[in-house]
Amino acid sequence: MSQSADLQRVLDQGLVAIIRAERGDLLLDVSHALLAGGIEVIEVTFTVPGALQILQQLSRELGNSVLLGAGTVLDPETARAAILAGAEFIVTPVVNVEVIQLCRRYGKLCMAGAFTPTEILTAWQAGADIVKVFPAEIGGPQYLKILHGPLPQVRLMPTGGVNLETLPAFIKSGACAVGLGSSLIEKEALARGDMQRIESLAAAFVQKLHEVRTL
């Protein structure tokens, strides 16, 4: 798919599942559980052991049923390796203009992490498709609303502090999508291998977002 089609897929979905785990062997099962619950935009962070091999496996086995991305990308070398392994989008925790430029060069989505207004505008002007407001639990929905005032053209995706209770407020404050980590893929469920719990939470987030968007 094209970069613009992938961006639209993220915006339509509105939920980006962020997988962090100490073991990589569970990630295929986690991805299937997320898909069963209705979430198809999945980010594998580079804090996961063997992240490149996992990206290759997920890309090969899940194909276009998911939009697969790589997160916690700190430099352009890692971004390029992730893209070659099958990542269709790159997520950073900070503003790295070289990473954004590399994504533009390869025609891949970039969700650049930023927090302050200056960082957010820097990432947007460099060509980020979406700016990940991180950590969003600092300031919460009210901070996002304040940012959205002078920067209405910037697609903002809060990450950190987004759960079933805070999701509506973040969306109403101008979020184009949200990043979901431990509130979706709970450490306890992951440790138990409880894929049913992950699937049910995914379905709950999909339903909650639908309710908010149709109000």
C-alpha atoms as a PDB file:
ATOM      1  CA  MET A   1       0.000   0.000   0.000  1.00  0.00           C
ATOM      2  CA  SER A   2       1.029   3.621  -0.464  1.00  0.00           C
ATOM      3  CA  GLN A   3       2.159   5.908   2.318  1.00  0.00           C
ATOM      4  CA  SER A   4      -1.048   7.935   2.035  1.00  0.00           C
ATOM      5  CA  ALA A   5      -3.170   4.768   2.183  1.00  0.00           C
ATOM      6  CA  ASP A   6      -1.256   3.576   5.251  1.00  0.00           C
ATOM      7  CA  LEU A   7      -1.782   6.947   6.934  1.00  0.00           C
ATOM      8  CA  GLN A   8      -5.487   6.755   6.234  1.00  0.00           C
ATOM      9  CA  ARG A   9      -5.554   3.251   7.677  1.00  0.00           C
ATOM     10  CA  VAL A  10      -4.036   4.538  10.925  1.00  0.00           C
ATOM     11  CA  LEU A  11      -6.468   7.452  11.084  1.00  0.00           C
ATOM     12  CA  ASP A  12      -9.459   5.208  10.397  1.00  0.00           C
ATOM     13  CA  GLN A  13      -8.346   2.656  12.987  1.00  0.00           C
ATOM     14  CA  GLY A  14      -7.478   5.316  15.547  1.00  0.00           C
ATOM     15  CA  LEU A  15      -5.685   2.815  17.792  1.00  0.00           C
ATOM     16  CA  VAL A  16      -2.011   1.833  17.644  1.00  0.00           C
ATOM     17  CA  ALA A  17      -1.151  -1.234  19.731  1.00  0.00           C
ATOM     18  CA  ILE A  18       2.340  -0.998  21.201  1.00  0.00           C
ATOM     19  CA  ILE A  19       3.888  -4.363  22.024  1.00  0.00           C
ATOM     20  CA  ARG A  20       6.638  -4.410  24.621  1.00  0.00           C
ATOM     21  CA  ALA A  21       7.675  -7.768  26.008  1.00  0.00           C
ATOM     22  CA  GLU A  22      10.642  -9.494  27.594  1.00  0.00           C
ATOM     23  CA  ARG A  23      10.031 -12.505  25.332  1.00  0.00           C
ATOM     24  CA  GLY A  24       9.584 -12.274  21.611  1.00  0.00           C
ATOM     25  CA  ASP A  25       8.052 -15.721  21.148  1.00  0.00           C
ATOM     26  CA  LEU A  26       4.619 -14.509  22.309  1.00  0.00           C
ATOM     27  CA  LEU A  27       4.285 -11.690  19.830  1.00  0.00           C
ATOM     28  CA  LEU A  28       2.664 -13.659  17.039  1.00  0.00           C
ATOM     29  CA  ASP A  29      -0.030 -14.883  19.447  1.00  0.00           C
ATOM     30  CA  VAL A  30      -0.458 -11.347  20.786  1.00  0.00           C
ATOM     31  CA  SER A  31      -0.851 -10.015  17.258  1.00  0.00           C
ATOM     32  CA  HIS A  32      -3.507 -12.614  16.458  1.00  0.00           C
ATOM     33  CA  ALA A  33      -5.356 -11.680  19.666  1.00  0.00           C
ATOM     34  CA  LEU A  34      -5.246  -7.983  18.769  1.00  0.00           C
ATOM     35  CA  LEU A  35      -6.538  -8.746  15.279  1.00  0.00           C
ATOM     36  CA  ALA A  36      -9.353 -10.866  16.681  1.00  0.00           C
ATOM     37  CA  GLY A  37     -10.307  -7.920  18.890  1.00  0.00           C
ATOM     38  CA  GLY A  38     -10.345  -5.539  15.939  1.00  0.00           C
ATOM     39  CA  ILE A  39      -6.980  -3.779  16.186  1.00  0.00           C
ATOM     40  CA  GLU A  40      -4.819  -4.090  13.090  1.00  0.00           C
ATOM     41  CA  VAL A  41      -2.177  -1.353  13.566  1.00  0.00           C
ATOM     42  CA  ILE A  42       0.621  -2.944  15.562  1.00  0.00           C
ATOM     43  CA  GLU A  43       3.951  -1.514  16.715  1.00  0.00           C
ATOM     44  CA  VAL A  44       6.786  -3.777  17.862  1.00  0.00           C
ATOM     45  CA  THR A  45       9.295  -1.862  19.959  1.00  0.00           C
ATOM     46  CA  PHE A  46      13.030  -2.320  19.692  1.00  0.00           C
ATOM     47  CA  THR A  47      13.120  -3.017  23.422  1.00  0.00           C
ATOM     48  CA  VAL A  48      11.825  -6.507  22.549  1.00  0.00           C
ATOM     49  CA  PRO A  49      14.655  -9.059  22.203  1.00  0.00           C
ATOM     50  CA  GLY A  50      15.177 -10.048  18.572  1.00  0.00           C
ATOM     51  CA  ALA A  51      12.913  -7.255  17.315  1.00  0.00           C
ATOM     52  CA  LEU A  52      14.150  -7.455  13.718  1.00  0.00           C
ATOM     53  CA  GLN A  53      13.516 -11.178  13.480  1.00  0.00           C
ATOM     54  CA  ILE A  54      10.061 -10.702  14.999  1.00  0.00           C
ATOM     55  CA  LEU A  55       9.241  -7.990  12.467  1.00  0.00           C
ATOM     56  CA  GLN A  56      10.261 -10.330   9.671  1.00  0.00           C
ATOM     57  CA  GLN A  57       8.135 -13.154  11.069  1.00  0.00           C
ATOM     58  CA  LEU A  58       5.058 -11.007  11.625  1.00  0.00           C
ATOM     59  CA  SER A  59       5.380  -9.426   8.187  1.00  0.00           C
ATOM     60  CA  ARG A  60       5.669 -12.848   6.569  1.00  0.00           C
ATOM     61  CA  GLU A  61       2.865 -14.538   8.496  1.00  0.00           C
ATOM     62  CA  LEU A  62       0.338 -11.721   8.885  1.00  0.00           C
ATOM     63  CA  GLY A  63       0.864  -9.894   5.599  1.00  0.00           C
ATOM     64  CA  ASN A  64      -1.592  -7.107   4.844  1.00  0.00           C
ATOM     65  CA  SER A  65      -3.988  -8.141   7.600  1.00  0.00           C
ATOM     66  CA  VAL A  66      -1.997  -5.807   9.849  1.00  0.00           C
ATOM     67  CA  LEU A  67      -0.173  -2.537   9.402  1.00  0.00           C
ATOM     68  CA  LEU A  68       3.118  -3.391  11.059  1.00  0.00           C
ATOM     69  CA  GLY A  69       5.457  -0.831  12.552  1.00  0.00           C
ATOM     70  CA  ALA A  70       8.632  -0.552  14.590  1.00  0.00           C
ATOM     71  CA  GLY A  71       8.878   1.567  17.725  1.00  0.00           C
ATOM     72  CA  THR A  72      11.528   2.976  20.047  1.00  0.00           C
ATOM     73  CA  VAL A  73      13.617   3.758  16.965  1.00  0.00           C
ATOM     74  CA  LEU A  74      16.451   6.088  17.916  1.00  0.00           C
ATOM     75  CA  ASP A  75      18.502   6.436  14.734  1.00  0.00           C
ATOM     76  CA  PRO A  76      18.206   6.179  10.940  1.00  0.00           C
ATOM     77  CA  GLU A  77      20.234   2.968  10.801  1.00  0.00           C
ATOM     78  CA  THR A  78      17.701   1.164  12.978  1.00  0.00           C
ATOM     79  CA  ALA A  79      14.848   2.692  10.990  1.00  0.00           C
ATOM     80  CA  ARG A  80      16.261   1.393   7.707  1.00  0.00           C
ATOM     81  CA  ALA A  81      16.834  -2.087   9.160  1.00  0.00           C
ATOM     82  CA  ALA A  82      13.240  -2.143  10.440  1.00  0.00           C
ATOM     83  CA  ILE A  83      11.848  -1.099   7.064  1.00  0.00           C
ATOM     84  CA  LEU A  84      13.857  -3.798   5.315  1.00  0.00           C
ATOM     85  CA  ALA A  85      12.481  -6.302   7.855  1.00  0.00           C
ATOM     86  CA  GLY A  86       8.911  -5.385   6.924  1.00  0.00           C
ATOM     87  CA  ALA A  87       7.945  -2.338   9.001  1.00  0.00           C
ATOM     88  CA  GLU A  88       5.492  -0.033   7.230  1.00  0.00           C
ATOM     89  CA  PHE A  89       5.793   2.727   9.814  1.00  0.00           C
ATOM     90  CA  ILE A  90       8.433   3.969  12.228  1.00  0.00           C
ATOM     91  CA  VAL A  91       7.794   5.394  15.698  1.00  0.00           C
ATOM     92  CA  THR A  92      10.338   7.338  17.716  1.00  0.00           C
ATOM     93  CA  PRO A  93      10.272   8.420  21.369  1.00  0.00           C
ATOM     94  CA  VAL A  94      12.042  11.696  20.529  1.00  0.00           C
ATOM     95  CA  VAL A  95      12.529  14.086  17.623  1.00  0.00           C
ATOM     96  CA  ASN A  96      15.219  12.784  15.290  1.00  0.00           C
ATOM     97  CA  VAL A  97      15.092  14.655  11.992  1.00  0.00           C
ATOM     98  CA  GLU A  98      17.346  12.112  10.275  1.00  0.00           C
ATOM     99  CA  VAL A  99      14.888   9.316  11.057  1.00  0.00           C
ATOM    100  CA  ILE A 100      12.018  11.386   9.670  1.00  0.00           C
ATOM    101  CA  GLN A 101      13.992  12.121   6.512  1.00  0.00           C
ATOM    102  CA  LEU A 102      14.833   8.447   6.027  1.00  0.00           C
ATOM    103  CA  CYS A 103      11.162   7.511   6.292  1.00  0.00           C
ATOM    104  CA  ARG A 104      10.324  10.111   3.654  1.00  0.00           C
ATOM    105  CA  ARG A 105      13.059   8.718   1.419  1.00  0.00           C
ATOM    106  CA  TYR A 106      11.607   5.199   1.628  1.00  0.00           C
ATOM    107  CA  GLY A 107       7.977   6.301   1.478  1.00  0.00           C
ATOM    108  CA  LYS A 108       7.124   5.026   4.965  1.00  0.00           C
ATOM    109  CA  LEU A 109       5.037   6.610   7.693  1.00  0.00           C
ATOM    110  CA  CYS A 110       6.842   8.301  10.553  1.00  0.00           C
ATOM    111  CA  MET A 111       5.292   8.933  13.946  1.00  0.00           C
ATOM    112  CA  ALA A 112       7.836  11.113  15.701  1.00  0.00           C
ATOM    113  CA  GLY A 113       7.806  11.465  19.469  1.00  0.00           C
ATOM    114  CA  ALA A 114       7.720  14.976  20.914  1.00  0.00           C
ATOM    115  CA  PHE A 115       6.342  16.786  23.928  1.00  0.00           C
ATOM    116  CA  THR A 116       6.858  20.548  23.882  1.00  0.00           C
ATOM    117  CA  PRO A 117       5.290  22.850  21.278  1.00  0.00           C
ATOM    118  CA  THR A 118       8.734  23.525  19.794  1.00  0.00           C
ATOM    119  CA  GLU A 119       9.521  19.806  19.500  1.00  0.00           C
ATOM    120  CA  ILE A 120       6.109  19.086  17.989  1.00  0.00           C
ATOM    121  CA  LEU A 121       6.438  21.784  15.332  1.00  0.00           C
ATOM    122  CA  THR A 122      10.020  20.731  14.584  1.00  0.00           C
ATOM    123  CA  ALA A 123       8.898  17.143  13.947  1.00  0.00           C
ATOM    124  CA  TRP A 124       5.946  18.267  11.810  1.00  0.00           C
ATOM    125  CA  GLN A 125       8.041  20.649   9.701  1.00  0.00           C
ATOM    126  CA  ALA A 126      10.627  17.895   9.181  1.00  0.00           C
ATOM    127  CA  GLY A 127       7.927  15.745   7.596  1.00  0.00           C
ATOM    128  CA  ALA A 128       6.486  13.553  10.346  1.00  0.00           C
ATOM    129  CA  ASP A 129       3.082  12.195   9.320  1.00  0.00           C
ATOM    130  CA  ILE A 130       1.885  12.043  12.922  1.00  0.00           C
ATOM    131  CA  VAL A 131       3.462  13.513  16.042  1.00  0.00           C
ATOM    132  CA  LYS A 132       3.352  11.198  19.025  1.00  0.00           C
ATOM    133  CA  VAL A 133       2.799  13.312  22.133  1.00  0.00           C
ATOM    134  CA  PHE A 134       4.842  11.425  24.705  1.00  0.00           C
ATOM    135  CA  PRO A 135       4.579  10.956  27.632  1.00  0.00           C
ATOM    136  CA  ALA A 136       0.932  12.007  27.395  1.00  0.00           C
ATOM    137  CA  GLU A 137       0.159  11.180  31.027  1.00  0.00           C
ATOM    138  CA  ILE A 138       2.016  14.387  31.870  1.00  0.00           C
ATOM    139  CA  GLY A 139      -0.594  17.019  31.196  1.00  0.00           C
ATOM    140  CA  GLY A 140      -3.239  14.560  30.023  1.00  0.00           C
ATOM    141  CA  PRO A 141      -6.096  15.476  27.671  1.00  0.00           C
ATOM    142  CA  GLN A 142      -6.081  19.102  28.794  1.00  0.00           C
ATOM    143  CA  TYR A 143      -2.479  19.531  27.604  1.00  0.00           C
ATOM    144  CA  LEU A 144      -3.387  17.989  24.243  1.00  0.00           C
ATOM    145  CA  LYS A 145      -6.299  20.405  23.919  1.00  0.00           C
ATOM    146  CA  ILE A 146      -3.988  23.328  24.656  1.00  0.00           C
ATOM    147  CA  LEU A 147      -1.505  22.121  22.007  1.00  0.00           C
ATOM    148  CA  HIS A 148      -4.261  21.644  19.457  1.00  0.00           C
ATOM    149  CA  GLY A 149      -5.260  25.299  19.747  1.00  0.00           C
ATOM    150  CA  PRO A 150      -2.222  26.918  18.079  1.00  0.00           C
ATOM    151  CA  LEU A 151      -1.278  23.759  16.118  1.00  0.00           C
ATOM    152  CA  PRO A 152      -4.562  22.527  14.597  1.00  0.00           C
ATOM    153  CA  GLN A 153      -2.812  21.315  11.449  1.00  0.00           C
ATOM    154  CA  VAL A 154      -0.609  18.833  13.333  1.00  0.00           C
ATOM    155  CA  ARG A 155      -1.871  15.262  13.704  1.00  0.00           C
ATOM    156  CA  LEU A 156      -1.338  14.483  17.383  1.00  0.00           C
ATOM    157  CA  MET A 157      -1.255  10.964  18.812  1.00  0.00           C
ATOM    158  CA  PRO A 158      -1.051  10.845  22.612  1.00  0.00           C
ATOM    159  CA  THR A 159       0.853   7.866  23.977  1.00  0.00           C
ATOM    160  CA  GLY A 160       1.173   7.052  27.663  1.00  0.00           C
ATOM    161  CA  GLY A 161      -1.707   7.423  30.075  1.00  0.00           C
ATOM    162  CA  VAL A 162      -4.356   6.421  27.527  1.00  0.00           C
ATOM    163  CA  ASN A 163      -6.800   3.847  28.878  1.00  0.00           C
ATOM    164  CA  LEU A 164     -10.500   3.056  28.546  1.00  0.00           C
ATOM    165  CA  GLU A 165     -11.375   5.844  30.987  1.00  0.00           C
ATOM    166  CA  THR A 166      -9.203   8.584  29.453  1.00  0.00           C
ATOM    167  CA  LEU A 167      -9.650   7.651  25.782  1.00  0.00           C
ATOM    168  CA  PRO A 168     -12.804   9.750  25.246  1.00  0.00           C
ATOM    169  CA  ALA A 169     -11.189  12.889  26.654  1.00  0.00           C
ATOM    170  CA  PHE A 170      -8.078  12.479  24.516  1.00  0.00           C
ATOM    171  CA  ILE A 171     -10.152  12.060  21.355  1.00  0.00           C
ATOM    172  CA  LYS A 172     -12.331  15.047  22.202  1.00  0.00           C
ATOM    173  CA  SER A 173      -9.158  17.078  22.826  1.00  0.00           C
ATOM    174  CA  GLY A 174      -7.986  16.606  19.252  1.00  0.00           C
ATOM    175  CA  ALA A 175      -6.151  13.277  19.072  1.00  0.00           C
ATOM    176  CA  CYS A 176      -6.122  11.808  15.549  1.00  0.00           C
ATOM    177  CA  ALA A 177      -5.283   8.420  17.078  1.00  0.00           C
ATOM    178  CA  VAL A 178      -3.889   7.062  20.340  1.00  0.00           C
ATOM    179  CA  GLY A 179      -1.004   4.785  21.248  1.00  0.00           C
ATOM    180  CA  LEU A 180      -1.913   1.929  23.594  1.00  0.00           C
ATOM    181  CA  GLY A 181       0.690   0.098  25.628  1.00  0.00           C
ATOM    182  CA  SER A 182       0.191  -1.586  28.990  1.00  0.00           C
ATOM    183  CA  SER A 183      -3.465  -0.561  29.228  1.00  0.00           C
ATOM    184  CA  LEU A 184      -4.106  -2.846  26.247  1.00  0.00           C
ATOM    185  CA  ILE A 185      -1.402  -5.483  26.556  1.00  0.00           C
ATOM    186  CA  GLU A 186      -1.232  -5.966  30.295  1.00  0.00           C
ATOM    187  CA  LYS A 187       1.988  -7.334  31.741  1.00  0.00           C
ATOM    188  CA  GLU A 188       0.061  -9.818  33.855  1.00  0.00           C
ATOM    189  CA  ALA A 189      -1.898 -11.135  30.872  1.00  0.00           C
ATOM    190  CA  LEU A 190       1.291 -11.371  28.850  1.00  0.00           C
ATOM    191  CA  ALA A 191       3.043 -13.280  31.633  1.00  0.00           C
ATOM    192  CA  ARG A 192       0.132 -15.742  31.813  1.00  0.00           C
ATOM    193  CA  GLY A 193      -0.119 -16.039  28.070  1.00  0.00           C
ATOM    194  CA  ASP A 194      -3.743 -14.939  28.422  1.00  0.00           C
ATOM    195  CA  MET A 195      -4.553 -14.027  24.831  1.00  0.00           C
ATOM    196  CA  GLN A 196      -8.288 -13.975  25.554  1.00  0.00           C
ATOM    197  CA  ARG A 197      -7.761 -11.070  27.939  1.00  0.00           C
ATOM    198  CA  ILE A 198      -5.784  -9.149  25.297  1.00  0.00           C
ATOM    199  CA  GLU A 199      -8.456  -9.859  22.686  1.00  0.00           C
ATOM    200  CA  SER A 200     -11.246  -8.686  24.986  1.00  0.00           C
ATOM    201  CA  LEU A 201      -9.395  -5.475  25.853  1.00  0.00           C
ATOM    202  CA  ALA A 202      -8.753  -4.804  22.157  1.00  0.00           C
ATOM    203  CA  ALA A 203     -12.463  -5.217  21.442  1.00  0.00           C
ATOM    204  CA  ALA A 204     -13.314  -2.904  24.342  1.00  0.00           C
ATOM    205  CA  PHE A 205     -11.027  -0.164  23.016  1.00  0.00           C
ATOM    206  CA  VAL A 206     -12.459  -0.512  19.507  1.00  0.00           C
ATOM    207  CA  GLN A 207     -15.981  -0.228  20.878  1.00  0.00           C
ATOM    208  CA  LYS A 208     -15.126   2.749  23.091  1.00  0.00           C
ATOM    209  CA  LEU A 209     -13.513   4.622  20.204  1.00  0.00           C
ATOM    210  CA  HIS A 210     -16.527   3.922  18.003  1.00  0.00           C
ATOM    211  CA  GLU A 211     -18.827   5.314  20.680  1.00  0.00           C
ATOM    212  CA  VAL A 212     -16.773   8.479  21.064  1.00  0.00           C
ATOM    213  CA  ARG A 213     -16.485   9.104  17.335  1.00  0.00           C
ATOM    214  CA  THR A 214     -20.211   8.671  16.751  1.00  0.00           C
ATOM    215  CA  LEU A 215     -21.378  10.995  19.511  1.00  0.00           C
END
